[in-house]
C-alpha cells in the first residue's frame, strides 16, 4: 500500500492505495473523495523523483502504477458542475452577497446548503467527518508527541523514511515544534542535513524556523522519523524523502 496525498478544489487529504490499481477503480475512489464525476476528471500526479512537478496521468494502460506517486490532483473539467459553481461563488471576506457584480455565497448560507460538497462529505463520512480517520489521526499525533520526549535539540540525528530512493539521512536536529503555516495541531522536526537532500532552507512560506541554510539543506519531518544520538556521524550518501515539507 502507498499513502498518497489527494487534492482537489475542496478536498485535501491522504489515503492509502494499492501500488497497482485498475484505472477504473482509481477513478471510483477519487470520485468518492472529491465528488468529481468520472467523465469530468483530469487527473495529475506528482512523482517522488519529481516532487515539484504535476504530470497528467498516463491512462493508456488499464492498470496504473502508484508505487512512485506521492500526490494526486483531480481537476473538474465540467464548467457547469456543482463544484465549479461553488468555486465561482466562494465566500467573500466581508460576508457580502454581491461584490463587484459577482455573486458570492456567504459562509452561513453555504453551511445551510443541502447540495454542497461539504454536506456531501458529511453524509459520506469523508475526510474530517470520517470517525476512523479521525481516530487514526489522533493516535498518530499522540505517538508523535511521545517521540518528541526522546529527542534532543541541536543533537546529531538520523532521519528514517519509509519511501523514497534513500531511506536514511543524517544531520542536526535544529527545531522541534508546531508550524502554524501548515496547521496548529502537528509537531515537526526541523533538520539541517549534511548534504543537499532536503526540500528547503529551514523556512516555510517565508518564515525562517532555523538557519537560513543553503537551498535543500533543510527539511521538516515528523518526530517518528527522527532519532538523535552523537553516534550518527555523517555518511557517504543521503537521499530525499516524500514524507516531509
C-alpha atoms as a PDB file:
ATOM      1  CA  UNK A   1       0.000   0.000   0.000  1.00  0.00           C
ATOM      2  CA  UNK A   2       1.108   3.572  -0.697  1.00  0.00           C
ATOM      3  CA  UNK A   3      -0.083   6.632   1.227  1.00  0.00           C
ATOM      4  CA  UNK A   4      -0.842   9.369  -1.302  1.00  0.00           C
ATOM      5  CA  UNK A   5      -1.902  12.978  -0.810  1.00  0.00           C
ATOM      6  CA  UNK A   6      -5.159  13.756  -2.668  1.00  0.00           C
ATOM      7  CA  UNK A   7      -6.030  17.319  -3.662  1.00  0.00           C
ATOM      8  CA  UNK A   8      -8.969  18.912  -5.452  1.00  0.00           C
ATOM      9  CA  UNK A   9     -10.812  22.215  -5.250  1.00  0.00           C
ATOM     10  CA  UNK A  10     -12.470  21.347  -1.920  1.00  0.00           C
ATOM     11  CA  UNK A  11     -10.531  18.296  -0.737  1.00  0.00           C
ATOM     12  CA  UNK A  12      -7.123  17.918   0.868  1.00  0.00           C
ATOM     13  CA  UNK A  13      -6.448  14.528   2.437  1.00  0.00           C
ATOM     14  CA  UNK A  14      -4.193  11.472   2.433  1.00  0.00           C
ATOM     15  CA  UNK A  15      -5.339   7.932   1.655  1.00  0.00           C
ATOM     16  CA  UNK A  16      -3.752   4.507   1.231  1.00  0.00           C
ATOM     17  CA  UNK A  17      -3.822   2.990  -2.263  1.00  0.00           C
ATOM     18  CA  UNK A  18      -2.502  -0.308  -3.674  1.00  0.00           C
ATOM     19  CA  UNK A  19       0.782   0.035  -5.547  1.00  0.00           C
ATOM     20  CA  UNK A  20      -1.025  -1.183  -8.657  1.00  0.00           C
ATOM     21  CA  UNK A  21      -4.685  -0.409  -9.281  1.00  0.00           C
ATOM     22  CA  UNK A  22      -7.139  -0.543 -12.155  1.00  0.00           C
ATOM     23  CA  UNK A  23      -7.724   2.888 -13.680  1.00  0.00           C
ATOM     24  CA  UNK A  24     -11.483   2.459 -13.291  1.00  0.00           C
ATOM     25  CA  UNK A  25     -11.060   1.576  -9.610  1.00  0.00           C
ATOM     26  CA  UNK A  26      -8.790   4.569  -9.042  1.00  0.00           C
ATOM     27  CA  UNK A  27     -11.363   6.912 -10.623  1.00  0.00           C
ATOM     28  CA  UNK A  28     -14.118   5.448  -8.458  1.00  0.00           C
ATOM     29  CA  UNK A  29     -12.085   6.025  -5.299  1.00  0.00           C
ATOM     30  CA  UNK A  30     -11.243   9.578  -6.370  1.00  0.00           C
ATOM     31  CA  UNK A  31     -14.925  10.269  -7.064  1.00  0.00           C
ATOM     32  CA  UNK A  32     -15.818   9.218  -3.512  1.00  0.00           C
ATOM     33  CA  UNK A  33     -13.118  11.526  -2.138  1.00  0.00           C
ATOM     34  CA  UNK A  34     -13.618  14.584  -4.332  1.00  0.00           C
ATOM     35  CA  UNK A  35     -17.173  14.399  -5.678  1.00  0.00           C
ATOM     36  CA  UNK A  36     -15.891  14.975  -9.219  1.00  0.00           C
ATOM     37  CA  UNK A  37     -17.706  12.863 -11.808  1.00  0.00           C
ATOM     38  CA  UNK A  38     -15.600  10.246 -13.615  1.00  0.00           C
ATOM     39  CA  UNK A  39     -16.209  11.768 -17.050  1.00  0.00           C
ATOM     40  CA  UNK A  40     -15.163  15.207 -15.778  1.00  0.00           C
ATOM     41  CA  UNK A  41     -11.878  14.186 -14.145  1.00  0.00           C
ATOM     42  CA  UNK A  42      -8.478  15.468 -15.220  1.00  0.00           C
ATOM     43  CA  UNK A  43      -6.012  13.551 -13.057  1.00  0.00           C
ATOM     44  CA  UNK A  44      -2.494  14.857 -12.479  1.00  0.00           C
ATOM     45  CA  UNK A  45       0.207  13.190 -10.401  1.00  0.00           C
ATOM     46  CA  UNK A  46       3.442  14.167  -8.696  1.00  0.00           C
ATOM     47  CA  UNK A  47       6.153  11.511  -8.609  1.00  0.00           C
ATOM     48  CA  UNK A  48       8.661  11.014  -5.796  1.00  0.00           C
ATOM     49  CA  UNK A  49      11.508  11.689  -8.224  1.00  0.00           C
ATOM     50  CA  UNK A  50       9.907  14.997  -9.337  1.00  0.00           C
ATOM     51  CA  UNK A  51       8.273  16.405  -6.165  1.00  0.00           C
ATOM     52  CA  UNK A  52       7.530  19.843  -7.628  1.00  0.00           C
ATOM     53  CA  UNK A  53       6.091  18.788 -10.990  1.00  0.00           C
ATOM     54  CA  UNK A  54       2.494  17.843 -11.828  1.00  0.00           C
ATOM     55  CA  UNK A  55       2.147  15.451 -14.765  1.00  0.00           C
ATOM     56  CA  UNK A  56      -1.024  14.242 -16.489  1.00  0.00           C
ATOM     57  CA  UNK A  57      -1.694  10.646 -15.507  1.00  0.00           C
ATOM     58  CA  UNK A  58      -0.939   8.174 -18.296  1.00  0.00           C
ATOM     59  CA  UNK A  59      -4.229   6.346 -18.843  1.00  0.00           C
ATOM     60  CA  UNK A  60      -3.154   4.265 -21.846  1.00  0.00           C
ATOM     61  CA  UNK A  61      -2.947   1.155 -19.660  1.00  0.00           C
ATOM     62  CA  UNK A  62      -5.911  -0.293 -17.713  1.00  0.00           C
ATOM     63  CA  UNK A  63      -3.612  -0.725 -14.682  1.00  0.00           C
ATOM     64  CA  UNK A  64      -1.970   2.265 -13.003  1.00  0.00           C
ATOM     65  CA  UNK A  65       1.341   2.039 -11.097  1.00  0.00           C
ATOM     66  CA  UNK A  66       1.129   4.247  -7.975  1.00  0.00           C
ATOM     67  CA  UNK A  67       4.288   2.969  -6.253  1.00  0.00           C
ATOM     68  CA  UNK A  68       6.257   6.155  -7.063  1.00  0.00           C
ATOM     69  CA  UNK A  69       3.360   8.626  -6.790  1.00  0.00           C
ATOM     70  CA  UNK A  70       3.254  10.983  -3.804  1.00  0.00           C
ATOM     71  CA  UNK A  71       0.384  13.293  -4.821  1.00  0.00           C
ATOM     72  CA  UNK A  72      -2.742  13.130  -6.985  1.00  0.00           C
ATOM     73  CA  UNK A  73      -4.518  16.309  -8.049  1.00  0.00           C
ATOM     74  CA  UNK A  74      -8.029  15.998  -9.520  1.00  0.00           C
ATOM     75  CA  UNK A  75      -9.372  18.826 -11.679  1.00  0.00           C
ATOM     76  CA  UNK A  76     -13.043  19.209 -12.649  1.00  0.00           C
ATOM     77  CA  UNK A  77     -13.292  19.914 -16.390  1.00  0.00           C
ATOM     78  CA  UNK A  78     -17.080  20.475 -16.337  1.00  0.00           C
ATOM     79  CA  UNK A  79     -17.664  24.225 -16.038  1.00  0.00           C
ATOM     80  CA  UNK A  80     -21.290  23.650 -15.041  1.00  0.00           C
ATOM     81  CA  UNK A  81     -20.624  21.087 -12.295  1.00  0.00           C
ATOM     82  CA  UNK A  82     -21.675  21.790  -8.713  1.00  0.00           C
ATOM     83  CA  UNK A  83     -18.044  22.004  -7.633  1.00  0.00           C
ATOM     84  CA  UNK A  84     -17.171  24.624 -10.237  1.00  0.00           C
ATOM     85  CA  UNK A  85     -20.318  26.569  -9.364  1.00  0.00           C
ATOM     86  CA  UNK A  86     -19.199  26.596  -5.739  1.00  0.00           C
ATOM     87  CA  UNK A  87     -15.712  27.583  -6.814  1.00  0.00           C
ATOM     88  CA  UNK A  88     -17.139  30.643  -8.568  1.00  0.00           C
ATOM     89  CA  UNK A  89     -19.176  31.559  -5.509  1.00  0.00           C
ATOM     90  CA  UNK A  90     -16.594  31.344  -2.753  1.00  0.00           C
ATOM     91  CA  UNK A  91     -17.262  33.214   0.445  1.00  0.00           C
ATOM     92  CA  UNK A  92     -16.408  36.922   0.415  1.00  0.00           C
ATOM     93  CA  UNK A  93     -14.397  38.119   3.359  1.00  0.00           C
ATOM     94  CA  UNK A  94     -16.903  40.836   4.175  1.00  0.00           C
ATOM     95  CA  UNK A  95     -19.845  38.355   4.009  1.00  0.00           C
ATOM     96  CA  UNK A  96     -21.433  40.428   1.294  1.00  0.00           C
ATOM     97  CA  UNK A  97     -23.672  38.540  -1.164  1.00  0.00           C
ATOM     98  CA  UNK A  98     -22.633  40.823  -4.008  1.00  0.00           C
ATOM     99  CA  UNK A  99     -19.232  42.278  -4.683  1.00  0.00           C
ATOM    100  CA  UNK A 100     -18.317  43.975  -7.945  1.00  0.00           C
ATOM    101  CA  UNK A 101     -21.490  42.495  -9.511  1.00  0.00           C
ATOM    102  CA  UNK A 102     -20.250  38.920  -8.856  1.00  0.00           C
ATOM    103  CA  UNK A 103     -22.450  36.660  -6.760  1.00  0.00           C
ATOM    104  CA  UNK A 104     -20.712  35.266  -3.702  1.00  0.00           C
ATOM    105  CA  UNK A 105     -22.238  32.843  -1.200  1.00  0.00           C
ATOM    106  CA  UNK A 106     -21.757  33.712   2.465  1.00  0.00           C
ATOM    107  CA  UNK A 107     -20.296  31.084   4.772  1.00  0.00           C
ATOM    108  CA  UNK A 108     -23.554  30.974   6.745  1.00  0.00           C
ATOM    109  CA  UNK A 109     -25.610  30.314   3.608  1.00  0.00           C
ATOM    110  CA  UNK A 110     -23.115  27.743   2.332  1.00  0.00           C
ATOM    111  CA  UNK A 111     -23.371  25.756   5.573  1.00  0.00           C
ATOM    112  CA  UNK A 112     -27.147  25.617   5.116  1.00  0.00           C
ATOM    113  CA  UNK A 113     -26.977  24.195   1.585  1.00  0.00           C
ATOM    114  CA  UNK A 114     -28.056  20.559   1.221  1.00  0.00           C
ATOM    115  CA  UNK A 115     -26.369  20.065  -2.162  1.00  0.00           C
ATOM    116  CA  UNK A 116     -22.924  21.376  -1.193  1.00  0.00           C
ATOM    117  CA  UNK A 117     -19.663  19.431  -1.313  1.00  0.00           C
ATOM    118  CA  UNK A 118     -19.336  19.938   2.447  1.00  0.00           C
ATOM    119  CA  UNK A 119     -22.727  18.334   3.079  1.00  0.00           C
ATOM    120  CA  UNK A 120     -21.880  15.519   0.663  1.00  0.00           C
ATOM    121  CA  UNK A 121     -18.677  14.812   2.614  1.00  0.00           C
ATOM    122  CA  UNK A 122     -20.610  14.836   5.890  1.00  0.00           C
ATOM    123  CA  UNK A 123     -23.160  12.347   4.597  1.00  0.00           C
ATOM    124  CA  UNK A 124     -20.443  10.041   3.259  1.00  0.00           C
ATOM    125  CA  UNK A 125     -18.223  10.462   6.340  1.00  0.00           C
ATOM    126  CA  UNK A 126     -15.193  11.543   4.324  1.00  0.00           C
ATOM    127  CA  UNK A 127     -12.090  13.468   5.383  1.00  0.00           C
ATOM    128  CA  UNK A 128     -12.515  15.143   8.771  1.00  0.00           C
ATOM    129  CA  UNK A 129     -16.001  13.630   9.050  1.00  0.00           C
ATOM    130  CA  UNK A 130     -14.639  10.067   8.957  1.00  0.00           C
ATOM    131  CA  UNK A 131     -14.510   8.757  12.576  1.00  0.00           C
ATOM    132  CA  UNK A 132     -11.965   6.050  11.686  1.00  0.00           C
ATOM    133  CA  UNK A 133      -9.675   8.590  10.007  1.00  0.00           C
ATOM    134  CA  UNK A 134     -10.008  10.982  12.969  1.00  0.00           C
ATOM    135  CA  UNK A 135      -9.121   8.241  15.459  1.00  0.00           C
ATOM    136  CA  UNK A 136      -6.090   7.206  13.408  1.00  0.00           C
ATOM    137  CA  UNK A 137      -5.010  10.845  13.188  1.00  0.00           C
ATOM    138  CA  UNK A 138      -5.421  11.265  16.957  1.00  0.00           C
ATOM    139  CA  UNK A 139      -3.355   8.157  17.736  1.00  0.00           C
ATOM    140  CA  UNK A 140      -0.647   9.192  15.288  1.00  0.00           C
ATOM    141  CA  UNK A 141      -0.356  12.631  16.886  1.00  0.00           C
ATOM    142  CA  UNK A 142      -0.070  11.033  20.336  1.00  0.00           C
ATOM    143  CA  UNK A 143       2.791   8.850  19.095  1.00  0.00           C
ATOM    144  CA  UNK A 144       4.492  11.897  17.573  1.00  0.00           C
ATOM    145  CA  UNK A 145       4.239  13.752  20.896  1.00  0.00           C
ATOM    146  CA  UNK A 146       5.666  10.771  22.785  1.00  0.00           C
ATOM    147  CA  UNK A 147       8.613  10.550  20.384  1.00  0.00           C
ATOM    148  CA  UNK A 148       9.489  14.209  20.994  1.00  0.00           C
ATOM    149  CA  UNK A 149      10.405  13.280  24.581  1.00  0.00           C
ATOM    150  CA  UNK A 150      13.170  11.052  23.201  1.00  0.00           C
ATOM    151  CA  UNK A 151      14.736  13.762  21.032  1.00  0.00           C
ATOM    152  CA  UNK A 152      17.479  16.241  21.926  1.00  0.00           C
ATOM    153  CA  UNK A 153      17.622  19.610  20.167  1.00  0.00           C
ATOM    154  CA  UNK A 154      20.873  20.546  18.402  1.00  0.00           C
ATOM    155  CA  UNK A 155      21.999  16.934  18.554  1.00  0.00           C
ATOM    156  CA  UNK A 156      23.194  14.736  15.691  1.00  0.00           C
ATOM    157  CA  UNK A 157      20.243  12.874  14.182  1.00  0.00           C
ATOM    158  CA  UNK A 158      19.178  10.119  11.839  1.00  0.00           C
ATOM    159  CA  UNK A 159      16.105  10.639   9.645  1.00  0.00           C
ATOM    160  CA  UNK A 160      14.436   7.403   8.572  1.00  0.00           C
ATOM    161  CA  UNK A 161      11.843   7.372   5.791  1.00  0.00           C
ATOM    162  CA  UNK A 162       9.578   4.584   4.587  1.00  0.00           C
ATOM    163  CA  UNK A 163       9.575   5.784   0.975  1.00  0.00           C
ATOM    164  CA  UNK A 164      11.959   7.448  -1.471  1.00  0.00           C
ATOM    165  CA  UNK A 165      15.154   6.281  -3.182  1.00  0.00           C
ATOM    166  CA  UNK A 166      17.107   6.537   0.096  1.00  0.00           C
ATOM    167  CA  UNK A 167      15.584   5.671   3.444  1.00  0.00           C
ATOM    168  CA  UNK A 168      18.174   7.160   5.808  1.00  0.00           C
ATOM    169  CA  UNK A 169      19.790  10.594   6.042  1.00  0.00           C
ATOM    170  CA  UNK A 170      21.817  12.341   8.718  1.00  0.00           C
ATOM    171  CA  UNK A 171      22.247  15.840  10.040  1.00  0.00           C
ATOM    172  CA  UNK A 172      21.409  18.079  13.024  1.00  0.00           C
ATOM    173  CA  UNK A 173      18.058  18.467  14.785  1.00  0.00           C
ATOM    174  CA  UNK A 174      17.549  22.264  14.793  1.00  0.00           C
ATOM    175  CA  UNK A 175      13.846  22.734  15.550  1.00  0.00           C
ATOM    176  CA  UNK A 176      11.016  20.963  17.399  1.00  0.00           C
ATOM    177  CA  UNK A 177       7.539  22.463  17.460  1.00  0.00           C
ATOM    178  CA  UNK A 178       4.403  23.376  15.583  1.00  0.00           C
ATOM    179  CA  UNK A 179       4.283  25.226  12.276  1.00  0.00           C
ATOM    180  CA  UNK A 180       1.153  27.438  12.064  1.00  0.00           C
ATOM    181  CA  UNK A 181       1.786  27.959   8.358  1.00  0.00           C
ATOM    182  CA  UNK A 182       0.823  24.279   7.940  1.00  0.00           C
ATOM    183  CA  UNK A 183      -1.628  23.717  10.813  1.00  0.00           C
ATOM    184  CA  UNK A 184      -1.935  24.216  14.569  1.00  0.00           C
ATOM    185  CA  UNK A 185      -2.001  20.537  15.502  1.00  0.00           C
ATOM    186  CA  UNK A 186       1.063  18.671  14.251  1.00  0.00           C
ATOM    187  CA  UNK A 187       4.571  18.773  15.701  1.00  0.00           C
ATOM    188  CA  UNK A 188       7.501  18.935  13.266  1.00  0.00           C
ATOM    189  CA  UNK A 189      11.257  18.467  13.495  1.00  0.00           C
ATOM    190  CA  UNK A 190      13.471  20.858  11.566  1.00  0.00           C
ATOM    191  CA  UNK A 191      16.571  19.134  10.207  1.00  0.00           C
ATOM    192  CA  UNK A 192      19.840  20.623   8.958  1.00  0.00           C
ATOM    193  CA  UNK A 193      21.042  17.884   6.628  1.00  0.00           C
ATOM    194  CA  UNK A 194      24.687  17.106   5.997  1.00  0.00           C
ATOM    195  CA  UNK A 195      24.053  17.191   2.250  1.00  0.00           C
ATOM    196  CA  UNK A 196      21.547  18.983  -0.037  1.00  0.00           C
ATOM    197  CA  UNK A 197      18.951  16.221   0.307  1.00  0.00           C
ATOM    198  CA  UNK A 198      16.162  18.305   1.868  1.00  0.00           C
ATOM    199  CA  UNK A 199      13.399  20.446   0.431  1.00  0.00           C
ATOM    200  CA  UNK A 200      14.055  23.951   1.804  1.00  0.00           C
ATOM    201  CA  UNK A 201      16.487  26.257   3.631  1.00  0.00           C
ATOM    202  CA  UNK A 202      14.886  25.974   7.074  1.00  0.00           C
ATOM    203  CA  UNK A 203      11.909  28.162   6.206  1.00  0.00           C
ATOM    204  CA  UNK A 204       8.232  27.566   5.426  1.00  0.00           C
ATOM    205  CA  UNK A 205       6.157  30.035   3.423  1.00  0.00           C
ATOM    206  CA  UNK A 206       8.599  32.846   4.118  1.00  0.00           C
ATOM    207  CA  UNK A 207       9.057  32.222   7.861  1.00  0.00           C
ATOM    208  CA  UNK A 208      12.523  31.112   8.954  1.00  0.00           C
ATOM    209  CA  UNK A 209      12.440  28.438  11.673  1.00  0.00           C
ATOM    210  CA  UNK A 210      16.181  27.723  11.684  1.00  0.00           C
ATOM    211  CA  UNK A 211      19.150  28.664   9.541  1.00  0.00           C
ATOM    212  CA  UNK A 212      18.948  30.126   6.946  1.00  0.00           C
ATOM    213  CA  UNK A 213      20.747  27.307   5.204  1.00  0.00           C
ATOM    214  CA  UNK A 214      21.838  26.745   1.639  1.00  0.00           C
ATOM    215  CA  UNK A 215      18.997  25.562  -0.645  1.00  0.00           C
ATOM    216  CA  UNK A 216      17.872  21.966   0.026  1.00  0.00           C
ATOM    217  CA  UNK A 217      19.971  21.598   3.168  1.00  0.00           C
ATOM    218  CA  UNK A 218      16.863  21.963   5.353  1.00  0.00           C
ATOM    219  CA  UNK A 219      13.688  19.963   5.823  1.00  0.00           C
ATOM    220  CA  UNK A 220      10.788  19.397   8.223  1.00  0.00           C
ATOM    221  CA  UNK A 221       9.829  15.844   9.136  1.00  0.00           C
ATOM    222  CA  UNK A 222       7.559  14.149  11.666  1.00  0.00           C
ATOM    223  CA  UNK A 223       9.171  13.190  15.020  1.00  0.00           C
ATOM    224  CA  UNK A 224       8.603   9.462  14.447  1.00  0.00           C
ATOM    225  CA  UNK A 225      11.068   9.687  11.539  1.00  0.00           C
ATOM    226  CA  UNK A 226      13.851  11.106  13.758  1.00  0.00           C
ATOM    227  CA  UNK A 227      16.395   9.593  16.163  1.00  0.00           C
ATOM    228  CA  UNK A 228      19.058  11.642  17.972  1.00  0.00           C
ATOM    229  CA  UNK A 229      22.436  10.371  19.148  1.00  0.00           C
ATOM    230  CA  UNK A 230      26.078  11.520  18.841  1.00  0.00           C
ATOM    231  CA  UNK A 231      26.831   8.253  17.015  1.00  0.00           C
ATOM    232  CA  UNK A 232      25.062   9.490  13.875  1.00  0.00           C
ATOM    233  CA  UNK A 233      28.139  10.889  12.191  1.00  0.00           C
ATOM    234  CA  UNK A 234      27.912  11.983   8.518  1.00  0.00           C
ATOM    235  CA  UNK A 235      27.600   9.167   5.993  1.00  0.00           C
ATOM    236  CA  UNK A 236      28.565   8.979   2.350  1.00  0.00           C
ATOM    237  CA  UNK A 237      25.029   9.039   0.922  1.00  0.00           C
ATOM    238  CA  UNK A 238      21.824  10.747   1.967  1.00  0.00           C
ATOM    239  CA  UNK A 239      18.578  10.937  -0.039  1.00  0.00           C
ATOM    240  CA  UNK A 240      15.261  12.757  -0.424  1.00  0.00           C
ATOM    241  CA  UNK A 241      12.032  11.636   1.233  1.00  0.00           C
ATOM    242  CA  UNK A 242       8.434  12.387   0.300  1.00  0.00           C
ATOM    243  CA  UNK A 243       7.365  12.333   3.958  1.00  0.00           C
ATOM    244  CA  UNK A 244       8.385  15.923   4.591  1.00  0.00           C
ATOM    245  CA  UNK A 245       7.858  19.516   3.539  1.00  0.00           C
END
